[in-house]
């Protein structure tokens, strides 16, 4: 007769760690020293009062920003106990996406309240609220090599280019459908946009705001594009 092999206990293959930094991880076949500054290999960050819709690590690697349906932006340390050290409040509807400046000094948030906020990440203060979109702002992105330049995409069928020092858009590019994702090239000369028509468009911002700015169209997705990253 066939005899079923006994199942191994779950902890035979589970990772086990000491609670302090510098402990060891027990893995199948032995142990390895921990080098992380986290208190444990897996950390649960609790603090939001609604669904979390966005999370971004800062370029310096020291912080995490999260945001969501509760309208708040939370800043976390990414070492030790992963302390929530700041809560940014200004939006009055869900926060849909976040973007850090290249030097991690500033954070940008976009919201269903039709606005984009620029924040001083060190002091936890809002610098400016940018208005102009007429519907939900779904996406925000920065040009890493062009400080202060950012892009946004909205359900109002536009992509907008902003100077973070101002309260208004310096360029507006009309789209045929709602825009759900944007990205900027590091030098800020090209905008990438995606939306409900499942196509990624590449705009050369040096060619103006009309259809002549579209230099490439990437088709292939079978549904709405929800994220773009270079």
C-alpha atoms as a PDB file:
ATOM      1  CA  UNK A   1       0.000   0.000   0.000  1.00  0.00           C
ATOM      2  CA  UNK A   2       1.091   3.534  -0.621  1.00  0.00           C
ATOM      3  CA  UNK A   3       1.958   5.510   2.471  1.00  0.00           C
ATOM      4  CA  UNK A   4       1.601   9.282   2.350  1.00  0.00           C
ATOM      5  CA  UNK A   5       4.695  11.182   3.369  1.00  0.00           C
ATOM      6  CA  UNK A   6       4.204  13.151   6.567  1.00  0.00           C
ATOM      7  CA  UNK A   7       3.982  16.881   6.057  1.00  0.00           C
ATOM      8  CA  UNK A   8       6.837  18.940   7.410  1.00  0.00           C
ATOM      9  CA  UNK A   9       5.996  21.446  10.142  1.00  0.00           C
ATOM     10  CA  UNK A  10       5.571  24.945   8.759  1.00  0.00           C
ATOM     11  CA  UNK A  11       8.511  26.275  10.749  1.00  0.00           C
ATOM     12  CA  UNK A  12      10.939  23.869   9.038  1.00  0.00           C
ATOM     13  CA  UNK A  13      11.186  26.294   6.126  1.00  0.00           C
ATOM     14  CA  UNK A  14      10.216  29.525   7.825  1.00  0.00           C
ATOM     15  CA  UNK A  15      12.651  32.326   8.522  1.00  0.00           C
ATOM     16  CA  UNK A  16      13.275  32.870  12.219  1.00  0.00           C
ATOM     17  CA  UNK A  17      15.000  35.945  13.598  1.00  0.00           C
ATOM     18  CA  UNK A  18      16.105  37.384  16.871  1.00  0.00           C
ATOM     19  CA  UNK A  19      14.318  40.592  17.813  1.00  0.00           C
ATOM     20  CA  UNK A  20      17.467  42.703  18.004  1.00  0.00           C
ATOM     21  CA  UNK A  21      19.772  44.074  15.357  1.00  0.00           C
ATOM     22  CA  UNK A  22      22.778  41.892  14.788  1.00  0.00           C
ATOM     23  CA  UNK A  23      20.928  38.630  15.421  1.00  0.00           C
ATOM     24  CA  UNK A  24      20.724  35.690  13.046  1.00  0.00           C
ATOM     25  CA  UNK A  25      18.242  34.289  10.577  1.00  0.00           C
ATOM     26  CA  UNK A  26      17.610  30.563  10.834  1.00  0.00           C
ATOM     27  CA  UNK A  27      17.116  29.111   7.360  1.00  0.00           C
ATOM     28  CA  UNK A  28      17.061  25.573   6.022  1.00  0.00           C
ATOM     29  CA  UNK A  29      20.636  24.352   6.243  1.00  0.00           C
ATOM     30  CA  UNK A  30      21.924  26.773   8.857  1.00  0.00           C
ATOM     31  CA  UNK A  31      21.983  30.387  10.010  1.00  0.00           C
ATOM     32  CA  UNK A  32      23.156  33.636   8.479  1.00  0.00           C
ATOM     33  CA  UNK A  33      23.980  36.900  10.271  1.00  0.00           C
ATOM     34  CA  UNK A  34      21.561  39.800   9.946  1.00  0.00           C
ATOM     35  CA  UNK A  35      22.914  43.063   8.571  1.00  0.00           C
ATOM     36  CA  UNK A  36      19.659  45.020   8.313  1.00  0.00           C
ATOM     37  CA  UNK A  37      18.839  47.911  10.642  1.00  0.00           C
ATOM     38  CA  UNK A  38      15.212  46.768  10.796  1.00  0.00           C
ATOM     39  CA  UNK A  39      14.001  45.342  14.081  1.00  0.00           C
ATOM     40  CA  UNK A  40      12.752  42.268  12.191  1.00  0.00           C
ATOM     41  CA  UNK A  41      12.888  40.918   8.618  1.00  0.00           C
ATOM     42  CA  UNK A  42       9.221  41.831   8.064  1.00  0.00           C
ATOM     43  CA  UNK A  43       7.756  45.004   9.548  1.00  0.00           C
ATOM     44  CA  UNK A  44       4.061  45.914   9.623  1.00  0.00           C
ATOM     45  CA  UNK A  45       3.406  49.648   9.381  1.00  0.00           C
ATOM     46  CA  UNK A  46       0.067  50.606  10.906  1.00  0.00           C
ATOM     47  CA  UNK A  47      -1.406  54.074  10.992  1.00  0.00           C
ATOM     48  CA  UNK A  48      -3.679  54.665   8.023  1.00  0.00           C
ATOM     49  CA  UNK A  49      -7.417  54.773   8.631  1.00  0.00           C
ATOM     50  CA  UNK A  50      -8.318  53.645   5.095  1.00  0.00           C
ATOM     51  CA  UNK A  51      -6.987  51.796   2.079  1.00  0.00           C
ATOM     52  CA  UNK A  52      -3.351  52.581   1.210  1.00  0.00           C
ATOM     53  CA  UNK A  53      -3.180  53.648  -2.439  1.00  0.00           C
ATOM     54  CA  UNK A  54       0.430  54.815  -2.783  1.00  0.00           C
ATOM     55  CA  UNK A  55       3.860  54.187  -1.226  1.00  0.00           C
ATOM     56  CA  UNK A  56       7.254  55.560  -2.271  1.00  0.00           C
ATOM     57  CA  UNK A  57      10.750  55.207  -0.810  1.00  0.00           C
ATOM     58  CA  UNK A  58      12.789  58.407  -0.719  1.00  0.00           C
ATOM     59  CA  UNK A  59      15.833  58.508  -3.046  1.00  0.00           C
ATOM     60  CA  UNK A  60      18.136  58.614  -0.023  1.00  0.00           C
ATOM     61  CA  UNK A  61      16.638  55.338   1.205  1.00  0.00           C
ATOM     62  CA  UNK A  62      15.941  56.615   4.716  1.00  0.00           C
ATOM     63  CA  UNK A  63      12.211  57.280   4.513  1.00  0.00           C
ATOM     64  CA  UNK A  64       8.967  55.860   3.149  1.00  0.00           C
ATOM     65  CA  UNK A  65       5.928  57.961   2.262  1.00  0.00           C
ATOM     66  CA  UNK A  66       2.487  56.366   2.120  1.00  0.00           C
ATOM     67  CA  UNK A  67      -0.954  57.749   1.344  1.00  0.00           C
ATOM     68  CA  UNK A  68      -4.454  56.626   0.610  1.00  0.00           C
ATOM     69  CA  UNK A  69      -8.172  56.857   1.089  1.00  0.00           C
ATOM     70  CA  UNK A  70      -7.911  58.526   4.514  1.00  0.00           C
ATOM     71  CA  UNK A  71      -6.588  61.716   2.798  1.00  0.00           C
ATOM     72  CA  UNK A  72      -3.353  61.715   4.836  1.00  0.00           C
ATOM     73  CA  UNK A  73       0.294  61.312   3.831  1.00  0.00           C
ATOM     74  CA  UNK A  74       2.379  59.430   6.402  1.00  0.00           C
ATOM     75  CA  UNK A  75       6.179  59.560   6.596  1.00  0.00           C
ATOM     76  CA  UNK A  76       8.029  56.580   8.073  1.00  0.00           C
ATOM     77  CA  UNK A  77      11.584  55.774   9.041  1.00  0.00           C
ATOM     78  CA  UNK A  78      12.797  52.655   7.251  1.00  0.00           C
ATOM     79  CA  UNK A  79      15.049  51.376  10.015  1.00  0.00           C
ATOM     80  CA  UNK A  80      14.618  50.262  13.607  1.00  0.00           C
ATOM     81  CA  UNK A  81      10.945  50.189  14.554  1.00  0.00           C
ATOM     82  CA  UNK A  82       9.879  52.014  11.341  1.00  0.00           C
ATOM     83  CA  UNK A  83       8.440  54.900  13.335  1.00  0.00           C
ATOM     84  CA  UNK A  84       5.765  57.104  11.782  1.00  0.00           C
ATOM     85  CA  UNK A  85       7.391  60.453  12.479  1.00  0.00           C
ATOM     86  CA  UNK A  86       5.109  62.810  10.542  1.00  0.00           C
ATOM     87  CA  UNK A  87       1.576  63.048   9.156  1.00  0.00           C
ATOM     88  CA  UNK A  88       0.857  65.529   6.363  1.00  0.00           C
ATOM     89  CA  UNK A  89      -2.700  66.827   6.208  1.00  0.00           C
ATOM     90  CA  UNK A  90      -4.041  69.101   3.493  1.00  0.00           C
ATOM     91  CA  UNK A  91      -6.003  67.087   0.924  1.00  0.00           C
ATOM     92  CA  UNK A  92      -9.730  66.679   1.472  1.00  0.00           C
ATOM     93  CA  UNK A  93     -10.164  63.605  -0.740  1.00  0.00           C
ATOM     94  CA  UNK A  94      -8.154  60.427  -1.325  1.00  0.00           C
ATOM     95  CA  UNK A  95      -4.451  60.813  -2.114  1.00  0.00           C
ATOM     96  CA  UNK A  96      -3.743  58.786  -5.248  1.00  0.00           C
ATOM     97  CA  UNK A  97       0.019  59.017  -5.867  1.00  0.00           C
ATOM     98  CA  UNK A  98       3.281  60.361  -4.453  1.00  0.00           C
ATOM     99  CA  UNK A  99       6.648  61.457  -5.845  1.00  0.00           C
ATOM    100  CA  UNK A 100       9.896  62.511  -4.133  1.00  0.00           C
ATOM    101  CA  UNK A 101      12.323  65.152  -5.322  1.00  0.00           C
ATOM    102  CA  UNK A 102      15.749  63.779  -6.221  1.00  0.00           C
ATOM    103  CA  UNK A 103      17.319  65.195  -3.047  1.00  0.00           C
ATOM    104  CA  UNK A 104      14.491  63.823  -0.844  1.00  0.00           C
ATOM    105  CA  UNK A 105      13.901  67.329   0.519  1.00  0.00           C
ATOM    106  CA  UNK A 106      10.449  67.623  -1.030  1.00  0.00           C
ATOM    107  CA  UNK A 107       7.468  65.344  -1.511  1.00  0.00           C
ATOM    108  CA  UNK A 108       4.629  65.804  -3.986  1.00  0.00           C
ATOM    109  CA  UNK A 109       1.138  64.352  -3.615  1.00  0.00           C
ATOM    110  CA  UNK A 110      -1.827  64.308  -5.995  1.00  0.00           C
ATOM    111  CA  UNK A 111      -5.416  63.751  -5.039  1.00  0.00           C
ATOM    112  CA  UNK A 112      -9.002  63.177  -6.048  1.00  0.00           C
ATOM    113  CA  UNK A 113      -9.586  66.723  -4.753  1.00  0.00           C
ATOM    114  CA  UNK A 114      -8.128  67.951  -8.107  1.00  0.00           C
ATOM    115  CA  UNK A 115      -4.954  69.378  -6.543  1.00  0.00           C
ATOM    116  CA  UNK A 116      -1.244  68.659  -6.170  1.00  0.00           C
ATOM    117  CA  UNK A 117       0.594  69.561  -2.972  1.00  0.00           C
ATOM    118  CA  UNK A 118       4.293  70.254  -2.535  1.00  0.00           C
ATOM    119  CA  UNK A 119       5.662  69.437   0.933  1.00  0.00           C
ATOM    120  CA  UNK A 120       8.820  70.213   2.877  1.00  0.00           C
ATOM    121  CA  UNK A 121       9.700  66.673   3.936  1.00  0.00           C
ATOM    122  CA  UNK A 122      12.081  67.792   6.676  1.00  0.00           C
ATOM    123  CA  UNK A 123       9.691  70.110   8.519  1.00  0.00           C
ATOM    124  CA  UNK A 124       6.436  68.436   7.495  1.00  0.00           C
ATOM    125  CA  UNK A 125       4.906  71.615   6.114  1.00  0.00           C
ATOM    126  CA  UNK A 126       2.986  72.276   2.939  1.00  0.00           C
ATOM    127  CA  UNK A 127       4.841  74.637   0.622  1.00  0.00           C
ATOM    128  CA  UNK A 128       2.247  75.167  -2.075  1.00  0.00           C
ATOM    129  CA  UNK A 129      -1.025  73.763  -3.353  1.00  0.00           C
ATOM    130  CA  UNK A 130      -1.203  73.602  -7.152  1.00  0.00           C
ATOM    131  CA  UNK A 131      -4.617  73.969  -8.768  1.00  0.00           C
ATOM    132  CA  UNK A 132      -5.846  73.904 -12.348  1.00  0.00           C
ATOM    133  CA  UNK A 133      -7.096  70.372 -12.999  1.00  0.00           C
ATOM    134  CA  UNK A 134     -10.862  70.049 -13.179  1.00  0.00           C
ATOM    135  CA  UNK A 135     -11.103  66.398 -12.104  1.00  0.00           C
ATOM    136  CA  UNK A 136      -9.213  63.754 -10.121  1.00  0.00           C
ATOM    137  CA  UNK A 137      -5.418  63.975 -10.393  1.00  0.00           C
ATOM    138  CA  UNK A 138      -4.330  60.357 -10.791  1.00  0.00           C
ATOM    139  CA  UNK A 139      -0.575  60.623 -11.181  1.00  0.00           C
ATOM    140  CA  UNK A 140       2.387  62.873 -10.403  1.00  0.00           C
ATOM    141  CA  UNK A 141       6.032  62.554 -11.443  1.00  0.00           C
ATOM    142  CA  UNK A 142       9.235  64.582 -11.123  1.00  0.00           C
ATOM    143  CA  UNK A 143      12.183  65.228 -13.457  1.00  0.00           C
ATOM    144  CA  UNK A 144      15.087  64.024 -11.332  1.00  0.00           C
ATOM    145  CA  UNK A 145      17.718  66.203 -13.030  1.00  0.00           C
ATOM    146  CA  UNK A 146      15.497  69.294 -13.306  1.00  0.00           C
ATOM    147  CA  UNK A 147      14.700  70.451  -9.752  1.00  0.00           C
ATOM    148  CA  UNK A 148      11.208  71.853  -9.336  1.00  0.00           C
ATOM    149  CA  UNK A 149       9.787  70.399 -12.539  1.00  0.00           C
ATOM    150  CA  UNK A 150       6.911  67.943 -12.249  1.00  0.00           C
ATOM    151  CA  UNK A 151       4.104  66.476 -14.332  1.00  0.00           C
ATOM    152  CA  UNK A 152       0.563  65.385 -13.533  1.00  0.00           C
ATOM    153  CA  UNK A 153      -2.168  63.394 -15.256  1.00  0.00           C
ATOM    154  CA  UNK A 154      -5.884  63.699 -14.618  1.00  0.00           C
ATOM    155  CA  UNK A 155      -9.361  62.478 -15.382  1.00  0.00           C
ATOM    156  CA  UNK A 156      -9.918  65.865 -17.060  1.00  0.00           C
ATOM    157  CA  UNK A 157      -8.031  64.441 -20.093  1.00  0.00           C
ATOM    158  CA  UNK A 158      -4.957  66.617 -19.655  1.00  0.00           C
ATOM    159  CA  UNK A 159      -1.355  66.251 -18.629  1.00  0.00           C
ATOM    160  CA  UNK A 160       0.178  69.322 -17.039  1.00  0.00           C
ATOM    161  CA  UNK A 161       3.750  70.438 -16.477  1.00  0.00           C
ATOM    162  CA  UNK A 162       4.372  72.457 -13.328  1.00  0.00           C
ATOM    163  CA  UNK A 163       7.090  74.583 -11.805  1.00  0.00           C
ATOM    164  CA  UNK A 164       6.958  73.693  -8.107  1.00  0.00           C
ATOM    165  CA  UNK A 165       7.686  77.304  -7.179  1.00  0.00           C
ATOM    166  CA  UNK A 166       4.416  78.426  -8.806  1.00  0.00           C
ATOM    167  CA  UNK A 167       0.768  77.653  -8.191  1.00  0.00           C
ATOM    168  CA  UNK A 168      -0.192  77.032 -11.815  1.00  0.00           C
ATOM    169  CA  UNK A 169       0.771  74.825 -14.764  1.00  0.00           C
ATOM    170  CA  UNK A 170       3.306  76.146 -17.259  1.00  0.00           C
ATOM    171  CA  UNK A 171       2.188  73.708 -20.003  1.00  0.00           C
ATOM    172  CA  UNK A 172      -1.048  71.802 -20.636  1.00  0.00           C
ATOM    173  CA  UNK A 173      -1.217  68.860 -23.041  1.00  0.00           C
ATOM    174  CA  UNK A 174      -4.686  67.680 -24.034  1.00  0.00           C
ATOM    175  CA  UNK A 175      -5.383  63.957 -24.259  1.00  0.00           C
ATOM    176  CA  UNK A 176      -8.197  62.000 -25.898  1.00  0.00           C
ATOM    177  CA  UNK A 177      -8.889  59.968 -22.764  1.00  0.00           C
ATOM    178  CA  UNK A 178      -8.439  60.222 -19.025  1.00  0.00           C
ATOM    179  CA  UNK A 179      -4.760  60.050 -18.032  1.00  0.00           C
ATOM    180  CA  UNK A 180      -3.976  57.545 -15.292  1.00  0.00           C
ATOM    181  CA  UNK A 181      -0.159  57.501 -15.319  1.00  0.00           C
ATOM    182  CA  UNK A 182       2.648  59.940 -16.123  1.00  0.00           C
ATOM    183  CA  UNK A 183       6.437  59.916 -15.990  1.00  0.00           C
ATOM    184  CA  UNK A 184       9.144  62.454 -16.907  1.00  0.00           C
ATOM    185  CA  UNK A 185      12.580  61.860 -18.357  1.00  0.00           C
ATOM    186  CA  UNK A 186      15.361  62.900 -15.948  1.00  0.00           C
ATOM    187  CA  UNK A 187      16.180  66.027 -18.004  1.00  0.00           C
ATOM    188  CA  UNK A 188      12.508  67.001 -18.255  1.00  0.00           C
ATOM    189  CA  UNK A 189      12.363  67.080 -22.048  1.00  0.00           C
ATOM    190  CA  UNK A 190      10.048  64.083 -22.466  1.00  0.00           C
ATOM    191  CA  UNK A 191       6.718  63.248 -20.904  1.00  0.00           C
ATOM    192  CA  UNK A 192       5.338  59.715 -20.886  1.00  0.00           C
ATOM    193  CA  UNK A 193       1.580  59.340 -20.445  1.00  0.00           C
ATOM    194  CA  UNK A 194      -0.835  56.431 -20.292  1.00  0.00           C
ATOM    195  CA  UNK A 195      -4.579  56.187 -19.811  1.00  0.00           C
ATOM    196  CA  UNK A 196      -7.869  54.529 -20.543  1.00  0.00           C
ATOM    197  CA  UNK A 197      -7.045  53.879 -24.208  1.00  0.00           C
ATOM    198  CA  UNK A 198      -4.252  51.441 -23.179  1.00  0.00           C
ATOM    199  CA  UNK A 199      -1.557  53.365 -25.128  1.00  0.00           C
ATOM    200  CA  UNK A 200       1.674  54.910 -23.795  1.00  0.00           C
ATOM    201  CA  UNK A 201       2.489  58.199 -25.527  1.00  0.00           C
ATOM    202  CA  UNK A 202       5.886  59.864 -25.511  1.00  0.00           C
ATOM    203  CA  UNK A 203       5.761  63.666 -25.787  1.00  0.00           C
ATOM    204  CA  UNK A 204       8.745  65.846 -26.679  1.00  0.00           C
ATOM    205  CA  UNK A 205       7.997  68.948 -24.605  1.00  0.00           C
ATOM    206  CA  UNK A 206      10.313  71.045 -26.774  1.00  0.00           C
ATOM    207  CA  UNK A 207       7.816  70.685 -29.643  1.00  0.00           C
ATOM    208  CA  UNK A 208       4.920  72.435 -27.949  1.00  0.00           C
ATOM    209  CA  UNK A 209       1.642  71.287 -26.437  1.00  0.00           C
ATOM    210  CA  UNK A 210      -0.266  69.952 -29.477  1.00  0.00           C
ATOM    211  CA  UNK A 211      -0.257  66.584 -31.222  1.00  0.00           C
ATOM    212  CA  UNK A 212       3.074  67.506 -32.821  1.00  0.00           C
ATOM    213  CA  UNK A 213       4.681  66.854 -29.437  1.00  0.00           C
ATOM    214  CA  UNK A 214       3.863  63.119 -29.676  1.00  0.00           C
ATOM    215  CA  UNK A 215       6.989  61.386 -30.985  1.00  0.00           C
ATOM    216  CA  UNK A 216       6.106  57.782 -30.148  1.00  0.00           C
ATOM    217  CA  UNK A 217       3.040  55.689 -29.306  1.00  0.00           C
ATOM    218  CA  UNK A 218       3.435  52.313 -27.599  1.00  0.00           C
ATOM    219  CA  UNK A 219       0.439  49.999 -28.005  1.00  0.00           C
ATOM    220  CA  UNK A 220       0.085  46.527 -26.569  1.00  0.00           C
ATOM    221  CA  UNK A 221      -1.664  46.745 -23.212  1.00  0.00           C
ATOM    222  CA  UNK A 222      -5.119  45.212 -23.086  1.00  0.00           C
ATOM    223  CA  UNK A 223      -6.441  47.402 -20.300  1.00  0.00           C
ATOM    224  CA  UNK A 224      -5.923  50.736 -18.526  1.00  0.00           C
ATOM    225  CA  UNK A 225      -2.316  51.740 -17.825  1.00  0.00           C
ATOM    226  CA  UNK A 226      -1.958  52.406 -14.108  1.00  0.00           C
ATOM    227  CA  UNK A 227       1.769  53.050 -13.718  1.00  0.00           C
ATOM    228  CA  UNK A 228       4.849  54.249 -15.601  1.00  0.00           C
ATOM    229  CA  UNK A 229       8.475  54.261 -14.425  1.00  0.00           C
ATOM    230  CA  UNK A 230      11.795  54.820 -16.164  1.00  0.00           C
END
